[in-house]
Amino acid sequence: MAYQDLPAIDRLRDYRPALALVGPGLGADVVPFSVPAGFGVSIVAPTGPPLPFDEMFTGTPDGSPDAHGKRFVTIGKLEAFGLTDLLTYHDTLVGVRAFHEVSGVSLPPLPALLDFISVVLRCFNPGYPRSTPGMWPSAPRS
């Protein structure tokens, strides 16, 4: 398993997360929580050093041989973006950069341009973005 899904955060240098997959037909690995009847568990653990990866749409670095971080998992088959994604891009960008702990670092050109477009488009469509519960922490609305 490659570590392209870990933000490069120095304070978590020795962090080595594993993932427990729970579902029907999986293995019988031991975990410190109860598993529903009829389900199995397979532990997915790191098998090598992290691989560096710069996510160009958010300006966030993931993994490196000397720095490791939090774990995030994305489920799906295809990464696809459309015009409506520009309406929510700003909130997604803020959430991703906060997770990677780089929210105070200036944006590279592409994320800065996309963020500008997102904010301008939102001026013409104030009904967006519609909040996605649980996606990113947000301040309470008054």
C-alpha atoms as a PDB file:
ATOM      1  CA  MET A   1       0.000   0.000   0.000  1.00  0.00           C
ATOM      2  CA  ALA A   2       1.423   3.371  -0.988  1.00  0.00           C
ATOM      3  CA  TYR A   3       1.235   6.290   1.408  1.00  0.00           C
ATOM      4  CA  GLN A   4      -0.157   8.771  -1.087  1.00  0.00           C
ATOM      5  CA  ASP A   5      -3.089   9.259   1.240  1.00  0.00           C
ATOM      6  CA  LEU A   6      -1.225  10.832   4.161  1.00  0.00           C
ATOM      7  CA  PRO A   7      -0.634  14.570   4.480  1.00  0.00           C
ATOM      8  CA  ALA A   8       3.032  15.418   5.078  1.00  0.00           C
ATOM      9  CA  ILE A   9       2.961  16.763   8.657  1.00  0.00           C
ATOM     10  CA  ASP A  10       6.244  16.755  10.541  1.00  0.00           C
ATOM     11  CA  ARG A  11       4.718  16.398  14.037  1.00  0.00           C
ATOM     12  CA  LEU A  12       3.329  12.996  13.008  1.00  0.00           C
ATOM     13  CA  ARG A  13       6.624  11.722  11.632  1.00  0.00           C
ATOM     14  CA  ASP A  14       6.300   8.243  13.170  1.00  0.00           C
ATOM     15  CA  TYR A  15       2.596   7.752  12.468  1.00  0.00           C
ATOM     16  CA  ARG A  16       1.923   4.428  10.713  1.00  0.00           C
ATOM     17  CA  PRO A  17      -1.825   3.935  10.312  1.00  0.00           C
ATOM     18  CA  ALA A  18      -3.480   0.688   9.334  1.00  0.00           C
ATOM     19  CA  LEU A  19      -6.990   0.304   7.979  1.00  0.00           C
ATOM     20  CA  ALA A  20      -9.526  -2.315   9.119  1.00  0.00           C
ATOM     21  CA  LEU A  21     -11.940  -3.307   6.370  1.00  0.00           C
ATOM     22  CA  VAL A  22     -15.140  -4.871   7.714  1.00  0.00           C
ATOM     23  CA  GLY A  23     -17.641  -6.681   5.528  1.00  0.00           C
ATOM     24  CA  PRO A  24     -19.011 -10.003   4.367  1.00  0.00           C
ATOM     25  CA  GLY A  25     -16.484 -12.451   2.953  1.00  0.00           C
ATOM     26  CA  LEU A  26     -13.419 -10.757   4.434  1.00  0.00           C
ATOM     27  CA  GLY A  27     -10.718 -12.259   6.661  1.00  0.00           C
ATOM     28  CA  ALA A  28     -10.615 -13.016  10.374  1.00  0.00           C
ATOM     29  CA  ASP A  29      -8.070 -10.444  11.568  1.00  0.00           C
ATOM     30  CA  VAL A  30      -8.338  -9.474  15.246  1.00  0.00           C
ATOM     31  CA  VAL A  31      -9.510  -5.922  15.996  1.00  0.00           C
ATOM     32  CA  PRO A  32     -10.247  -4.075  19.273  1.00  0.00           C
ATOM     33  CA  PHE A  33     -13.940  -3.575  18.462  1.00  0.00           C
ATOM     34  CA  SER A  34     -16.953  -5.819  17.906  1.00  0.00           C
ATOM     35  CA  VAL A  35     -17.709  -6.996  14.391  1.00  0.00           C
ATOM     36  CA  PRO A  36     -21.289  -7.687  13.254  1.00  0.00           C
ATOM     37  CA  ALA A  37     -22.279 -11.330  12.868  1.00  0.00           C
ATOM     38  CA  GLY A  38     -21.519 -12.682   9.416  1.00  0.00           C
ATOM     39  CA  PHE A  39     -18.843 -10.076   8.727  1.00  0.00           C
ATOM     40  CA  GLY A  40     -15.102 -10.556   8.497  1.00  0.00           C
ATOM     41  CA  VAL A  41     -12.185  -8.194   9.030  1.00  0.00           C
ATOM     42  CA  SER A  42      -9.080  -7.639   6.921  1.00  0.00           C
ATOM     43  CA  ILE A  43      -6.325  -5.345   8.182  1.00  0.00           C
ATOM     44  CA  VAL A  44      -4.516  -3.319   5.525  1.00  0.00           C
ATOM     45  CA  ALA A  45      -1.146  -2.174   6.846  1.00  0.00           C
ATOM     46  CA  PRO A  46       1.612  -0.111   5.212  1.00  0.00           C
ATOM     47  CA  THR A  47       4.165  -2.166   3.294  1.00  0.00           C
ATOM     48  CA  GLY A  48       6.702   0.487   2.382  1.00  0.00           C
ATOM     49  CA  PRO A  49       7.792   4.071   2.849  1.00  0.00           C
ATOM     50  CA  PRO A  50       5.508   6.960   1.946  1.00  0.00           C
ATOM     51  CA  LEU A  51       5.571   8.232  -1.615  1.00  0.00           C
ATOM     52  CA  PRO A  52       5.631  11.994  -2.218  1.00  0.00           C
ATOM     53  CA  PHE A  53       2.633  13.414  -4.025  1.00  0.00           C
ATOM     54  CA  ASP A  54       1.585  17.053  -4.526  1.00  0.00           C
ATOM     55  CA  GLU A  55      -2.159  17.462  -5.027  1.00  0.00           C
ATOM     56  CA  MET A  56      -2.268  20.196  -7.660  1.00  0.00           C
ATOM     57  CA  PHE A  57      -5.917  21.243  -7.146  1.00  0.00           C
ATOM     58  CA  THR A  58      -5.499  22.090  -3.444  1.00  0.00           C
ATOM     59  CA  GLY A  59      -1.772  22.770  -3.135  1.00  0.00           C
ATOM     60  CA  THR A  60      -1.339  20.133  -0.429  1.00  0.00           C
ATOM     61  CA  PRO A  61       1.608  17.729  -0.115  1.00  0.00           C
ATOM     62  CA  ASP A  62       0.936  14.080   0.718  1.00  0.00           C
ATOM     63  CA  GLY A  63       3.590  11.791   2.127  1.00  0.00           C
ATOM     64  CA  SER A  64       7.351  11.886   1.874  1.00  0.00           C
ATOM     65  CA  PRO A  65      10.116   9.561   3.010  1.00  0.00           C
ATOM     66  CA  ASP A  66      10.716  11.650   6.141  1.00  0.00           C
ATOM     67  CA  ALA A  67       7.279  12.964   7.140  1.00  0.00           C
ATOM     68  CA  HIS A  68       3.928  11.240   7.662  1.00  0.00           C
ATOM     69  CA  GLY A  69       0.517  12.383   8.752  1.00  0.00           C
ATOM     70  CA  LYS A  70      -3.171  11.748   9.110  1.00  0.00           C
ATOM     71  CA  ARG A  71      -4.937   9.059   7.146  1.00  0.00           C
ATOM     72  CA  PHE A  72      -7.839   9.679   4.799  1.00  0.00           C
ATOM     73  CA  VAL A  73      -9.731   7.204   2.667  1.00  0.00           C
ATOM     74  CA  THR A  74     -11.658   7.905  -0.510  1.00  0.00           C
ATOM     75  CA  ILE A  75     -14.149   5.408  -1.852  1.00  0.00           C
ATOM     76  CA  GLY A  76     -15.022   5.411  -5.520  1.00  0.00           C
ATOM     77  CA  LYS A  77     -13.979   4.435  -9.008  1.00  0.00           C
ATOM     78  CA  LEU A  78     -13.523   7.722 -10.843  1.00  0.00           C
ATOM     79  CA  GLU A  79     -12.412  11.195  -9.869  1.00  0.00           C
ATOM     80  CA  ALA A  80     -14.585  13.580 -11.894  1.00  0.00           C
ATOM     81  CA  PHE A  81     -15.245  17.300 -11.656  1.00  0.00           C
ATOM     82  CA  GLY A  82     -17.937  19.412 -13.236  1.00  0.00           C
ATOM     83  CA  LEU A  83     -18.919  23.046 -13.470  1.00  0.00           C
ATOM     84  CA  THR A  84     -21.108  22.823 -10.359  1.00  0.00           C
ATOM     85  CA  ASP A  85     -18.062  21.683  -8.359  1.00  0.00           C
ATOM     86  CA  LEU A  86     -16.654  25.194  -8.804  1.00  0.00           C
ATOM     87  CA  LEU A  87     -19.509  26.491  -6.641  1.00  0.00           C
ATOM     88  CA  THR A  88     -18.333  24.390  -3.686  1.00  0.00           C
ATOM     89  CA  TYR A  89     -14.600  24.486  -4.478  1.00  0.00           C
ATOM     90  CA  HIS A  90     -13.835  27.231  -1.948  1.00  0.00           C
ATOM     91  CA  ASP A  91     -15.295  25.271   0.986  1.00  0.00           C
ATOM     92  CA  THR A  92     -13.634  22.063  -0.156  1.00  0.00           C
ATOM     93  CA  LEU A  93     -10.297  23.859  -0.485  1.00  0.00           C
ATOM     94  CA  VAL A  94     -10.579  25.338   3.019  1.00  0.00           C
ATOM     95  CA  GLY A  95     -11.441  21.921   4.492  1.00  0.00           C
ATOM     96  CA  VAL A  96      -8.684  20.024   2.691  1.00  0.00           C
ATOM     97  CA  ARG A  97      -6.022  22.595   3.572  1.00  0.00           C
ATOM     98  CA  ALA A  98      -7.131  22.619   7.228  1.00  0.00           C
ATOM     99  CA  PHE A  99      -6.872  18.805   7.330  1.00  0.00           C
ATOM    100  CA  HIS A 100      -3.358  18.993   5.853  1.00  0.00           C
ATOM    101  CA  GLU A 101      -2.513  21.775   8.340  1.00  0.00           C
ATOM    102  CA  VAL A 102      -1.369  24.177   5.610  1.00  0.00           C
ATOM    103  CA  SER A 103      -4.211  26.682   5.862  1.00  0.00           C
ATOM    104  CA  GLY A 104      -1.804  29.583   6.528  1.00  0.00           C
ATOM    105  CA  VAL A 105       0.459  28.792   3.563  1.00  0.00           C
ATOM    106  CA  SER A 106      -0.122  30.750   0.344  1.00  0.00           C
ATOM    107  CA  LEU A 107      -1.879  28.977  -2.505  1.00  0.00           C
ATOM    108  CA  PRO A 108      -0.084  27.860  -5.655  1.00  0.00           C
ATOM    109  CA  PRO A 109      -1.372  29.449  -8.909  1.00  0.00           C
ATOM    110  CA  LEU A 110      -3.931  26.782  -9.960  1.00  0.00           C
ATOM    111  CA  PRO A 111      -5.744  26.493  -6.580  1.00  0.00           C
ATOM    112  CA  ALA A 112      -5.672  30.291  -6.254  1.00  0.00           C
ATOM    113  CA  LEU A 113      -7.297  30.699  -9.690  1.00  0.00           C
ATOM    114  CA  LEU A 114      -9.940  28.036  -8.992  1.00  0.00           C
ATOM    115  CA  ASP A 115     -10.686  29.591  -5.611  1.00  0.00           C
ATOM    116  CA  PHE A 116     -11.116  33.035  -7.201  1.00  0.00           C
ATOM    117  CA  ILE A 117     -13.489  31.589  -9.821  1.00  0.00           C
ATOM    118  CA  SER A 118     -15.425  29.747  -7.097  1.00  0.00           C
ATOM    119  CA  VAL A 119     -15.900  32.873  -5.000  1.00  0.00           C
ATOM    120  CA  VAL A 120     -16.967  34.945  -8.037  1.00  0.00           C
ATOM    121  CA  LEU A 121     -19.472  32.287  -9.167  1.00  0.00           C
ATOM    122  CA  ARG A 122     -20.943  32.165  -5.669  1.00  0.00           C
ATOM    123  CA  CYS A 123     -21.666  35.897  -5.885  1.00  0.00           C
ATOM    124  CA  PHE A 124     -24.004  35.154  -8.790  1.00  0.00           C
ATOM    125  CA  ASN A 125     -25.607  32.144  -7.097  1.00  0.00           C
ATOM    126  CA  PRO A 126     -25.922  32.854  -3.355  1.00  0.00           C
ATOM    127  CA  GLY A 127     -27.825  29.581  -2.758  1.00  0.00           C
ATOM    128  CA  TYR A 128     -24.527  27.709  -3.076  1.00  0.00           C
ATOM    129  CA  PRO A 129     -22.707  26.089  -1.542  1.00  0.00           C
ATOM    130  CA  ARG A 130     -25.256  23.952   0.178  1.00  0.00           C
ATOM    131  CA  SER A 131     -23.629  22.428   3.220  1.00  0.00           C
ATOM    132  CA  THR A 132     -22.747  18.757   3.143  1.00  0.00           C
ATOM    133  CA  PRO A 133     -23.295  17.425   6.689  1.00  0.00           C
ATOM    134  CA  GLY A 134     -20.142  15.895   8.116  1.00  0.00           C
ATOM    135  CA  MET A 135     -17.922  16.822   5.176  1.00  0.00           C
ATOM    136  CA  TRP A 136     -15.931  19.578   6.849  1.00  0.00           C
ATOM    137  CA  PRO A 137     -16.208  21.275  10.216  1.00  0.00           C
ATOM    138  CA  SER A 138     -17.871  24.636   9.888  1.00  0.00           C
ATOM    139  CA  ALA A 139     -18.739  27.564  12.109  1.00  0.00           C
ATOM    140  CA  PRO A 140     -22.323  27.676  13.357  1.00  0.00           C
ATOM    141  CA  ARG A 141     -24.577  29.934  11.322  1.00  0.00           C
ATOM    142  CA  SER A 142     -26.389  32.702  13.149  1.00  0.00           C
END
